[in-house]
Amino acid sequence: MVVGAWRVVGWGGRGSYGVVYCVQRSEHPEAGLFALKLALHPRDERFEREVELLSRLVHPHVPRLWDSGWWTSADGVAFPFLVMDWVEGVHLYEWARQRKLSFQQVARVLAQVARALEALHAMGGVHRDVKGDNVLVTQEGRAVLTDFGLGTYPGARALTRQAEPLGTPQYLSPQALHHRQRFWRRAEPRYEAGPADDVYALGVTAWRLVTDTYPPGERVSPELMSGTSPELGALICRLLAEDPAARGCVGTVAQAFEKITETAERTGAPSIPRRAADDSSVGSTRWVPARRMLGWGLGLSAAVVGLLVALNTGGMQHFQPVEGPTAVAQETRSQDKPDAGTAGMAEAVRATRVEGSLPVSEQEGLSLDLSKNPLPGQRRPPCGKREIEINGGCWVFQVNMEPPCGPRIYEWKQGCYLPTFDPQIPPTSDPP
């Protein structure tokens, strides 16, 4: 397939709003590999927002924008696309799981993400979805902040109807959560995210990078990050301060991470203790008071907006067979036709299909307690972008549902969840 001046040579990944392909220049394949991100929905104005942000950012820790335009399907429907650097790397948390990290490595990577945010904030922009899933780390340890589809900048037109703040719930600041609780499912007043929200999300990212868990709400303290250096623990807790002013600007944060890196280089950097893989606390959902659970709502669906720029392919020979733009466009149009540019984040997300047999509750109002171990056949981490990792299994948070959750739905920490299962492979022959 050819999209504009680009020939598709590999598959990168798929999210709710776009598909990423590995491409080469049709006329100059020797120029190397690039990432082409193609919209799943016609005339999706989120791509215009991302193109605008990337066109203003030239930074070593942000993918460089090379091209943008429109691809027209066989039935004459136009889909926007953009072309960026192909980043050969893995997501931040996966990168951490693959090695014994030192304080020096953690501080260096977080400093790089902070510098990318500094450049974004300097032009008046806000990312609004900072998290480990949107940070790629190369083999050399270079961090790249990706997925600016939820970003905003001065003069940007609102693309959603709801007042709730956009972003992934576990990374929302206390101010955003309070606004969501107060103005749940209302159109006004809209929450205006600022640089302090990105700084808080960076703090959540740092906490999870060090501990493999999300921070426990307001009860953060360096003592909860056992084994970390006092300087790194204190800095991460400062980023998670409830008072936005206490977090500091991202430039100051970057300097602090860089200072920790320099100190570790001089004194030697011990490894950070990692939790055992079967520890039920690994990857657990961030603690949130019951009064805030109602405010999660549409925000969990915004978690799926993050899109892969690249996977840990290790080279072209590992690419999956290409699912061409034509097939993707036909599939998307047959499933739903959202009002591009105006639909809320959750409105444009299809419910995750759950397959397999689940225990059935006899009573409509009775919830099932979430198992401490994955259910038989349940999907294991790494979980999809619509899913949350809990107790070693992948789960989907049920929007607008409170305990008792009802039959076939599991209760956990005052929320309702459904397990996800890998599709069953059909038999190759009839049973005897």
Foldseek 3Di string as FASTA:
>chain_A
DDFVQWDFQFFFWDFLFWGWTWIAGNVCNVVDIKIKIKTLAFPFCLVVQVCVLLVQDDDPQEWHWDDKDWGAAPVGTIIIMTITHQAQFAFLLVVLVVDFAWLLLLLLALLLVLVSLVRQVVQAKDQQEDARLQWTAHPVSRIHGHDSSVMDGPPDDALEQAQQRAYAVLLFAPVNLVVLLVRPRHRPDHDDDHQLSVLSSSLQRSQCSQALAGAAPQPQALVVSPQHDPLSSVLSVQSNDNDSVSNDGSVVSSVSSVVSNVVCVVVPTDTRDYDDPQPQRRQAGHHDDLSSVLSCFQRLLSLRSRIGSGHNQVDSVRGDPDPDPNNSNVVSVVVDHDPRRYYDSSRSGDDDDADDDADWDPDFQAAAADDLDDDVQFAFPPDHSQWGDGNGGTKHWDHPAFHVRGIQWHDDSGTIIHTHGDDDDDDPDDDD
